[in-house]
Structures are given as structure tokens and as C-alpha cells.
Protein backbone atom coordinates (compact mmCIF):
# COMPACT_ATOMS: atom_id res chain seq x y z
CA UNK A 1 21.37 1.09 -0.88
CA UNK A 2 19.58 -1.47 -2.80
CA UNK A 3 15.98 -0.90 -3.64
CA UNK A 4 13.84 -2.24 -0.75
CA UNK A 5 11.48 -5.11 -2.14
CA UNK A 6 8.68 -4.72 0.29
CA UNK A 7 6.47 -2.98 -2.08
CA UNK A 8 5.37 -6.24 -3.09
CA UNK A 9 4.14 -7.01 0.55
CA UNK A 10 1.79 -4.07 1.11
CA UNK A 11 0.52 -4.69 -2.58
CA UNK A 12 -0.74 -7.77 -1.23
CA UNK A 13 -1.53 -6.92 2.34
CA UNK A 14 -3.54 -3.95 1.60
CA UNK A 15 -6.95 -4.68 1.40
CA UNK A 16 -7.88 -2.50 -1.30
CA UNK A 17 -7.88 -2.98 -5.16
CA UNK A 18 -4.69 -1.89 -6.47
CA UNK A 19 -5.46 -0.71 -9.84
CA UNK A 20 -7.37 2.00 -8.23
CA UNK A 21 -5.81 5.29 -9.20
CA UNK A 22 -5.37 8.69 -7.61
CA UNK A 23 -4.69 12.22 -8.92
CA UNK A 24 -4.26 15.47 -7.12
CA UNK A 25 -2.16 18.17 -7.17
CA UNK A 26 0.53 18.25 -4.57
CA UNK A 27 0.11 20.02 -1.62
CA UNK A 28 2.59 22.48 -0.06
CA UNK A 29 5.02 20.61 1.85
CA UNK A 30 5.15 21.31 5.38
CA UNK A 31 7.72 19.11 7.41
CA UNK A 32 7.57 19.40 11.28
CA UNK A 33 9.37 17.60 13.92
CA UNK A 34 7.65 17.18 17.14
CA UNK A 35 9.91 15.37 19.21
CA UNK A 36 9.35 13.74 22.27
CA UNK A 37 12.47 14.16 25.10
CA UNK A 38 14.73 11.05 24.22
CA UNK A 39 16.01 8.41 26.73
CA UNK A 40 19.69 8.78 27.35
CA UNK A 41 20.69 6.34 24.59
CA UNK A 42 21.12 8.46 21.90
CA UNK A 43 21.56 5.36 19.41
CA UNK A 44 17.75 5.15 20.16
CA UNK A 45 16.46 8.44 19.43
CA UNK A 46 16.77 8.58 15.57
CA UNK A 47 18.58 11.80 15.45
CA UNK A 48 21.04 13.49 13.14
CA UNK A 49 21.37 12.18 9.57
CA UNK A 50 18.34 9.74 9.83
CA UNK A 51 16.56 12.54 11.22
CA UNK A 52 16.96 14.40 8.22
CA UNK A 53 16.42 11.77 6.07
CA UNK A 54 13.10 10.81 7.17
CA UNK A 55 11.82 14.90 7.10
CA UNK A 56 13.14 14.76 3.71
CA UNK A 57 11.18 11.55 2.70
CA UNK A 58 7.80 12.92 3.81
CA UNK A 59 8.40 15.99 2.19
CA UNK A 60 8.97 13.97 -1.24
CA UNK A 61 5.49 11.86 -0.34
CA UNK A 62 3.76 15.14 -0.52
CA UNK A 63 5.59 17.31 -3.18
CA UNK A 64 6.36 14.43 -5.67
CA UNK A 65 3.85 11.86 -4.96
CA UNK A 66 0.72 14.03 -4.33
CA UNK A 67 -0.14 12.44 -0.91
CA UNK A 68 -2.19 15.52 1.10
CA UNK A 69 -0.52 14.72 4.23
CA UNK A 70 2.17 12.60 5.66
CA UNK A 71 2.84 11.43 9.36
CA UNK A 72 5.37 9.04 10.91
CA UNK A 73 6.45 7.96 14.54
CA UNK A 74 9.47 6.39 15.13
CA UNK A 75 11.06 4.78 18.25
CA UNK A 76 14.18 2.55 19.68
CA UNK A 77 14.04 -0.19 22.31
CA UNK A 78 15.04 2.54 24.91
CA UNK A 79 13.96 5.70 23.38
CA UNK A 80 10.68 7.73 23.45
CA UNK A 81 8.75 8.37 20.18
CA UNK A 82 9.65 11.02 17.78
CA UNK A 83 7.07 11.98 15.32
CA UNK A 84 7.04 13.85 12.03
CA UNK A 85 4.30 15.64 9.98
CA UNK A 86 4.38 16.90 6.42
CA UNK A 87 1.85 18.44 3.76
CA UNK A 88 -1.51 19.70 5.26
CA UNK A 89 -4.13 17.80 7.15
CA UNK A 90 -7.54 19.31 5.44
CA UNK A 91 -6.92 20.49 1.78
CA UNK A 92 -9.66 23.00 2.26
CA UNK A 93 -8.72 24.62 5.50
CA UNK A 94 -4.86 24.11 4.79
CA UNK A 95 -4.19 23.32 8.25
CA UNK A 96 -1.56 20.98 9.46
CA UNK A 97 -1.35 17.73 9.88
CA UNK A 98 -2.06 16.82 13.59
CA UNK A 99 1.27 15.46 14.99
CA UNK A 100 0.62 11.50 15.57
CA UNK A 101 -2.91 12.14 14.62
CA UNK A 102 -5.37 9.25 14.30
CA UNK A 103 -5.80 7.39 11.06
CA UNK A 104 -7.81 4.01 10.06
CA UNK A 105 -5.19 1.57 10.25
CA UNK A 106 -6.60 -0.99 7.87
CA UNK A 107 -5.25 -4.22 7.61
CA UNK A 108 -3.11 -4.10 10.87
CA UNK A 109 -6.43 -4.86 12.42
CA UNK A 110 -5.74 -8.28 11.23
CA UNK A 111 -2.88 -8.40 13.94
CA UNK A 112 -4.83 -7.47 16.61
CA UNK A 113 -7.51 -10.27 15.84
CA UNK A 114 -5.20 -12.82 14.92
CA UNK A 115 -3.59 -11.82 18.46
CA UNK A 116 -6.94 -12.73 20.27
CA UNK A 117 -7.41 -15.84 18.48
CA UNK A 118 -4.05 -17.01 19.63
CA UNK A 119 -4.78 -15.69 23.17
CA UNK A 120 -7.62 -17.98 23.02
CA UNK A 121 -5.71 -20.75 21.77
CA UNK A 122 -3.43 -20.59 24.66
CA UNK A 123 -6.43 -20.80 26.88
CA UNK A 124 -7.45 -24.11 25.48
CA UNK A 125 -10.57 -22.72 23.75
CA UNK A 126 -9.10 -22.97 20.30
CA UNK A 127 -7.33 -25.42 18.57
CA UNK A 128 -5.26 -24.12 15.53
CA UNK A 129 -5.50 -27.34 13.70
CA UNK A 130 -9.29 -27.59 14.01
CA UNK A 131 -11.71 -27.19 11.30
CA UNK A 132 -13.67 -23.76 11.22
CA UNK A 133 -16.63 -26.12 11.43
CA UNK A 134 -16.13 -27.24 14.88
CA UNK A 135 -16.80 -23.93 15.95
CA UNK A 136 -18.87 -22.30 13.25
CA UNK A 137 -20.88 -25.36 11.65
CA UNK A 138 -22.29 -25.13 8.36
CA UNK A 139 -20.95 -21.48 7.73
CA UNK A 140 -18.39 -22.16 4.74
CA UNK A 141 -20.13 -23.98 2.01
CA UNK A 142 -19.44 -23.13 -1.72
CA UNK A 143 -17.88 -23.91 -4.90
CA UNK A 144 -14.39 -25.49 -3.69
CA UNK A 145 -14.96 -24.16 -0.17
CA UNK A 146 -16.07 -26.28 2.72
CA UNK A 147 -15.44 -25.45 6.54
CA UNK A 148 -14.85 -29.17 7.23
CA UNK A 149 -11.40 -28.60 5.62
CA UNK A 150 -10.23 -25.55 6.61
CA UNK A 151 -8.62 -24.80 9.99
CA UNK A 152 -8.13 -22.08 11.84
CA UNK A 153 -4.63 -21.75 11.15
CA UNK A 154 -5.26 -21.72 7.19
CA UNK A 155 -7.58 -18.38 8.20
CA UNK A 156 -4.78 -16.59 9.74
CA UNK A 157 -2.33 -17.73 7.60
CA UNK A 158 -4.32 -16.84 4.28
CA UNK A 159 -4.20 -20.35 3.21
CA UNK A 160 -7.79 -21.10 3.10
CA UNK A 161 -8.21 -20.55 -0.31
CA UNK A 162 -11.40 -18.37 0.29
CA UNK A 163 -11.76 -15.78 -2.27
CA UNK A 164 -11.27 -12.04 -1.17
CA UNK A 165 -14.24 -9.49 -1.84
CA UNK A 166 -12.47 -6.00 -2.34
CA UNK A 167 -13.83 -5.47 -5.78
CA UNK A 168 -17.68 -5.57 -4.96
CA UNK A 169 -17.01 -3.52 -1.92
CA UNK A 170 -14.89 -0.56 -3.80
CA UNK A 171 -17.24 -0.59 -6.85
CA UNK A 172 -18.99 2.64 -6.83
CA UNK A 173 -17.29 3.24 -3.69
CA UNK A 174 -18.19 7.08 -3.55
CA UNK A 175 -21.92 6.75 -4.48
CA UNK A 176 -22.98 3.64 -3.01
CA UNK A 177 -20.51 2.23 -0.77
CA UNK A 178 -19.00 4.79 1.55
CA UNK A 179 -21.39 5.03 4.05
CA UNK A 180 -23.18 1.73 3.87
CA UNK A 181 -23.10 -0.88 6.57
CA UNK A 182 -22.46 -4.59 6.01
CA UNK A 183 -23.28 -7.10 8.23
CA UNK A 184 -20.35 -10.04 8.29
CA UNK A 185 -22.89 -12.19 6.97
CA UNK A 186 -23.63 -10.10 3.93
CA UNK A 187 -19.73 -9.91 3.40
CA UNK A 188 -19.40 -13.76 3.50
CA UNK A 189 -22.47 -14.14 1.09
CA UNK A 190 -20.43 -12.45 -1.81
CA UNK A 191 -17.51 -14.64 -0.82
CA UNK A 192 -19.37 -17.97 -0.92
CA UNK A 193 -20.83 -16.64 -4.09
CA UNK A 194 -17.11 -17.31 -5.71
CA UNK A 195 -14.86 -20.14 -6.46
CA UNK A 196 -12.32 -21.00 -3.99
CA UNK A 197 -8.77 -19.97 -5.44
CA UNK A 198 -7.40 -23.13 -4.37
CA UNK A 199 -7.63 -26.04 -1.94
CA UNK A 200 -6.93 -25.25 1.63
CA UNK A 201 -3.21 -25.47 2.70
CA UNK A 202 -2.37 -25.48 -1.08
CA UNK A 203 -0.69 -21.90 -1.66
CA UNK A 204 -0.97 -18.42 0.13
CA UNK A 205 -3.75 -16.18 -1.35
CA UNK A 206 -4.51 -12.58 0.43
CA UNK A 207 -7.94 -12.29 1.63
CA UNK A 208 -9.66 -10.36 3.67
CA UNK A 209 -12.58 -12.96 4.31
CA UNK A 210 -10.05 -14.96 5.84
CA UNK A 211 -10.60 -12.45 8.94
CA UNK A 212 -14.26 -11.86 8.89
CA UNK A 213 -13.91 -15.57 9.68
CA UNK A 214 -11.71 -15.50 12.16
CA UNK A 215 -14.05 -12.19 13.58
CA UNK A 216 -17.27 -14.50 13.80
CA UNK A 217 -14.84 -17.41 15.41
CA UNK A 218 -13.91 -15.18 18.34
CA UNK A 219 -17.54 -14.00 18.93
CA UNK A 220 -18.76 -17.64 18.79
CA UNK A 221 -16.22 -18.96 21.19
CA UNK A 222 -16.46 -15.76 23.60
CA UNK A 223 -19.68 -14.83 23.42
CA UNK A 224 -18.89 -11.25 22.96
CA UNK A 225 -18.04 -8.73 19.89
CA UNK A 226 -14.49 -8.90 18.18
CA UNK A 227 -14.08 -5.27 18.76
CA UNK A 228 -15.10 -5.80 22.66
CA UNK A 229 -12.35 -8.71 22.65
CA UNK A 230 -9.70 -6.69 21.18
CA UNK A 231 -10.50 -3.71 23.42
CA UNK A 232 -10.33 -5.92 26.70
CA UNK A 233 -7.46 -8.05 25.87
CA UNK A 234 -5.05 -5.86 23.84
CA UNK A 235 -5.87 -1.76 23.82
CA UNK A 236 -6.47 -1.40 27.46
CA UNK A 237 -3.73 -3.53 28.84
CA UNK A 238 -1.30 -1.98 26.70
CA UNK A 239 -2.73 1.70 27.40
CA UNK A 240 -3.45 2.29 23.85
CA UNK A 241 -5.27 5.82 24.33
CA UNK A 242 -5.81 6.47 20.90
CA UNK A 243 -6.76 3.38 19.22
CA UNK A 244 -10.12 2.29 19.15
CA UNK A 245 -12.78 -0.07 17.89
CA UNK A 246 -15.42 2.03 16.09
CA UNK A 247 -19.01 1.32 17.33
CA UNK A 248 -21.04 0.19 14.91
CA UNK A 249 -22.80 2.92 12.94
CA UNK A 250 -19.84 5.49 13.88
CA UNK A 251 -18.45 6.84 10.68
CA UNK A 252 -16.14 9.67 12.42
CA UNK A 253 -12.51 9.55 13.72
CA UNK A 254 -12.84 10.73 17.41
CA UNK A 255 -9.58 12.21 17.74
CA UNK A 256 -7.21 14.52 16.28
CA UNK A 257 -6.89 13.53 12.81
CA UNK A 258 -5.62 14.38 9.31
CA UNK A 259 -8.63 14.52 6.50
CA UNK A 260 -8.29 10.98 4.05
CA UNK A 261 -9.00 11.35 0.64
CA UNK A 262 -9.92 9.16 -2.07
CA UNK A 263 -10.44 9.04 -5.79
CA UNK A 264 -11.95 6.58 -8.42
CA UNK A 265 -9.68 7.57 -11.46
CA UNK A 266 -6.45 9.57 -12.26
CA UNK A 267 -8.68 12.06 -13.89
CA UNK A 268 -10.89 12.86 -10.75
CA UNK A 269 -9.72 14.78 -7.78
CA UNK A 270 -9.60 13.84 -4.42
CA UNK A 271 -12.82 13.20 -2.22
CA UNK A 272 -12.89 13.59 1.22
CA UNK A 273 -13.68 10.32 2.76
CA UNK A 274 -12.68 10.81 6.22
CA UNK A 275 -16.40 9.52 7.22
CA UNK A 276 -16.90 6.30 6.12
CA UNK A 277 -18.65 3.37 7.40
CA UNK A 278 -15.56 0.86 8.16
CA UNK A 279 -17.97 -2.41 8.51
CA UNK A 280 -17.00 -3.94 5.31
CA UNK A 281 -13.55 -4.38 6.61
CA UNK A 282 -14.54 -5.33 10.49
CA UNK A 283 -12.30 -7.79 11.88
CA UNK A 284 -9.94 -7.56 8.83
CA UNK A 285 -9.53 -3.62 9.20
CA UNK A 286 -11.58 -1.54 11.02
CA UNK A 287 -9.24 -0.18 13.99
CA UNK A 288 -8.47 3.64 14.34
CA UNK A 289 -5.29 4.30 15.82
CA UNK A 290 -1.90 6.51 15.34
CA UNK A 291 1.52 5.56 14.55
CA UNK A 292 2.98 5.50 17.88
CA UNK A 293 0.19 3.15 19.16
CA UNK A 294 0.86 0.86 16.21
CA UNK A 295 4.48 0.84 17.11
CA UNK A 296 3.41 0.47 20.72
CA UNK A 297 1.42 -2.48 19.81
CA UNK A 298 3.42 -4.24 17.38
CA UNK A 299 6.80 -3.68 19.73
CA UNK A 300 4.63 -5.30 22.78
CA UNK A 301 3.37 -8.00 20.76
CA UNK A 302 6.67 -9.06 19.62
CA UNK A 303 8.04 -8.45 22.95
CA UNK A 304 6.22 -11.25 24.49
CA UNK A 305 3.58 -9.18 26.19
CA UNK A 306 -0.07 -10.38 24.49
CA UNK A 307 1.08 -14.04 23.64
CA UNK A 308 2.72 -16.86 25.57
CA UNK A 309 6.15 -18.09 24.08
CA UNK A 310 4.43 -21.31 22.30
CA UNK A 311 1.57 -19.17 20.72
CA UNK A 312 4.25 -16.04 19.84
CA UNK A 313 6.45 -18.69 17.99
CA UNK A 314 2.96 -19.92 15.99
CA UNK A 315 2.39 -16.63 14.87
CA UNK A 316 6.03 -16.19 13.86
CA UNK A 317 5.79 -19.38 12.31
CA UNK A 318 5.91 -18.41 8.29
CA UNK A 319 5.12 -19.69 4.88
CA UNK A 320 6.11 -17.96 1.32
CA UNK A 321 3.74 -15.29 0.47
CA UNK A 322 5.13 -12.80 -2.12
CA UNK A 323 8.64 -12.02 -3.26
CA UNK A 324 11.13 -11.45 -0.52
CA UNK A 325 8.11 -11.78 1.88
CA UNK A 326 6.99 -14.57 4.23
CA UNK A 327 3.48 -14.40 6.07
CA UNK A 328 2.86 -16.23 9.84
CA UNK A 329 -0.41 -15.74 11.69
CA UNK A 330 -1.46 -12.21 11.24
CA UNK A 331 2.12 -11.33 11.00
CA UNK A 332 4.67 -10.61 8.17
CA UNK A 333 8.33 -10.77 7.56
CA UNK A 334 9.86 -7.90 5.22
CA UNK A 335 13.69 -7.93 4.14
CA UNK A 336 15.29 -4.44 4.82
CA UNK A 337 17.82 -3.13 2.39
CA UNK A 338 20.50 -3.02 5.39
CA UNK A 339 20.22 -6.74 5.57
CA UNK A 340 17.92 -8.76 7.74
CA UNK A 341 14.11 -8.36 8.13
CA UNK A 342 11.63 -6.70 10.26
CA UNK A 343 8.20 -7.92 11.35
CA UNK A 344 5.28 -6.08 9.94
CA UNK A 345 1.96 -5.96 8.59
CA UNK A 346 0.66 -2.64 7.58
CA UNK A 347 -2.76 -1.18 5.80
CA UNK A 348 -4.62 0.47 3.26
CA UNK A 349 -8.36 1.91 3.66
CA UNK A 350 -10.08 4.43 1.46
CA UNK A 351 -8.62 7.61 2.69
CA UNK A 352 -5.46 6.25 4.66
CA UNK A 353 -2.48 3.64 4.06
CA UNK A 354 0.06 3.44 6.75
CA UNK A 355 3.32 0.99 6.67
CA UNK A 356 4.96 0.04 10.10
CA UNK A 357 7.62 -2.69 11.13
CA UNK A 358 9.58 -3.92 14.23
CA UNK A 359 13.25 -5.07 13.87
CA UNK A 360 14.35 -7.67 15.88
CA UNK A 361 16.54 -5.25 18.21
CA UNK A 362 13.15 -2.99 18.59
CA UNK A 363 13.28 -0.50 16.51
CA UNK A 364 9.94 0.59 15.40
CA UNK A 365 8.48 2.69 12.69
CA UNK A 366 5.15 3.84 11.02
CA UNK A 367 4.67 5.98 8.20
CA UNK A 368 1.19 6.87 7.32
CA UNK A 369 -0.46 9.10 4.42
CA UNK A 370 -3.47 10.22 3.63
CA UNK A 371 -4.82 8.47 0.70
CA UNK A 372 -3.89 4.92 -1.21
CA UNK A 373 -0.87 4.74 -3.28
CA UNK A 374 -1.65 3.62 -6.72
CA UNK A 375 2.05 4.19 -8.99
CA UNK A 376 4.59 2.37 -8.39
CA UNK A 377 6.88 5.06 -7.53
CA UNK A 378 4.69 6.45 -4.94
CA UNK A 379 4.39 3.01 -3.25
CA UNK A 380 8.27 2.62 -3.24
CA UNK A 381 9.03 6.18 -1.63
CA UNK A 382 6.47 5.09 0.98
CA UNK A 383 8.39 1.95 1.66
CA UNK A 384 11.48 3.67 1.49
CA UNK A 385 10.74 5.90 4.41
CA UNK A 386 9.86 3.53 6.68
CA UNK A 387 13.40 1.65 5.47
CA UNK A 388 15.50 4.68 6.04
CA UNK A 389 14.24 4.64 9.66
CA UNK A 390 14.66 0.75 10.39
CA UNK A 391 18.12 0.52 8.63
CA UNK A 392 19.44 3.70 10.85
CA UNK A 393 22.57 3.53 12.46
């Protein structure tokens, strides 16, 4: 099996500074398979050899890479979810990782935000190729930045040239930023004090700022908060019972969840950052969900349950991003070791990382760990765990 190349994707899509390093003694590995009763189609149940391989992958993430906990959910086009865990859910109490527990899903939020924008496109309320200034006049002005020249499509596609702001948010994270509330306008002020990465439409550059603007665009057009629109248009219709948009000031995770951990350097121990203010991520990364709910969302999206064919086609129209990866409108492709590709996004936030993807034939997998992957081996092992399931036959 050739080495998966998707590490380049999740490095780019993480929404965090890749240079941050983590170090902690590995937790004792405990792997559990909490399997829902599979459907009659055994080929969809991810049993046997693949089942064992995934459990082994999760153990390796804990024992070799030092992630405190890992959890996964997999499903086929006609099969029910199978859920797995490894490691511990709390380094202090050594409690088990809750099965299909809630985690912060980071930049997967972008796919939800892009879906709402494209629904509004289908309703005739937004034009993908209209300039941002048509909806948010005067909002984007800076060094090489002009909302009269940046289109809605370019925001969703990360080809606007807007710079990122992550390093400002993550600097002194534990002492100054973990519990701080950020207004979207405050975040944009950071962005607009920088120089554009490129002219609009020239090249792909991943930037959370694009989706801060997209969230403001949704609010301007609908007159309602972006979190409410995501809830009303996606979460409730799909009955994603364990997915929610945190209320302003809510730093907790409401349901059963593993604790998330963060360290600023390789020489410092993990700090529990389960409770944090997600406002800095906002429409680019604030959602809380479970691996199985993430799979249900992406499967429904690609099955045409959320967008009309014309808008889904726009979402899946991609441009070159990073090596072996193409990016559409809040949705990306990643090559698989067994050939072909899967649709994906993935997300990182201090304390949690989730890699997830859905294949064309409906196989879905999501693998989450309770810290940020820093070393290349740790990142590759996380990617390989996902590839193991998606390439199952």
C-alpha cells in the first residue's frame, strides 16, 4: 500500500499553526469496539480484517503518538455506524473515551457554512460571482484587499487572497486566548492590518478569514445569526442530535465527551483545554459534533439532501490546492492509497483533531484524537487510520 498523501491536506485545512508542538507520555491503550447492529449487507459493515486494522491504528495513535484518546466512527452506504475508541478520555481520572463522544470539529464547520451560502444561492439571495461589496459594502479594505474585487465564490474557495489570523489567536493561547471572546469584526481587524496574500483569483491560500466573511454574509442576507441558520437548515433537518452551535459565552461541551489537550512546546505537558471560547473560529470552526454525526452530514450533503444539483456541482468544482488535493467550495478531494479519491474537509482546534471523508460509493469514516498532531509521523498515522477504512474491500 502506497503512503497516503492527505497529510498535506490536513496540514493546510487544520486552521492552526503547524509549528506548534505537543509532548506527553502515552496513555495506556484501551481499544473498544462498540458496534451497532450492522445491516444485512456485510460489505458495508467494515468487519473482519478492516475492523482489526482500525483498532490497531487507534491503539498506535495512543501508544506511539501520545494522543490521550482516539475515537472513530465508520459506516457504509447501507450499514449502520460502527464506533471505536482507544486511550483515555481524561488524563486525571483515566476514564474511558466515551463512545462516539462529542468533540470540537474545527474546520469541518466551513462545509456547514458553505452549504448555507449555497442554499441561499439556490434561493436567489446570493450570487456566487458577485463581489462581497454587493452584500457587505466597505467591509473589506486593506493593503491589496478590496471587497469590490473579491467574489463570494473566492471566499468559499480560498482564492480571495485574504490572509489568515491564526498566529495572533494562538499566541499565548493558554494565558490570554483560551477563554477570551472575539467579535467577528475584531478578527477582521487583525486580517485587514495585513497585506493580501495575492490578488483575488490568482492562487489558492487557505485562510479562516474567508469564512468569517462568509458568516457575516449569511447574517446580512438572512437577518439571522449564522449559528441559527446552520441549525435550522442543516442540523435539525438531518436530525444530527449531537451536533450544535455553541451559544455566545458557552465554553463547555454539553454532551458526553473526551477531554481535549494542548501544549505550547515539546517540553511542556498537556493542559486540559476542553473548556474554551470558540468565538475566534466562529463560522470557520466553532461547531461541536460527534464522529458519526459528521459522517451523516457529509453523506447527506454528497447524496444531494441539502443542495440542489446545480449548487452541489458548484461545491464540487475544484481548483488545485496542495499536493494531490483539490478544493471546491468548502469541500475538498483527497487521494486514497487504493486509487481514486474521497470527499473531505477535516478540522483542528486546540484540544481536538478530526479527519473524515466519504467515498463516491458511500463509505464514510471519521477519526478523532484529543490533541493536535505535531510530528509528521503522528499526522501520517492519523491519515493512515482513515485510509484503512476507506480502502476496505
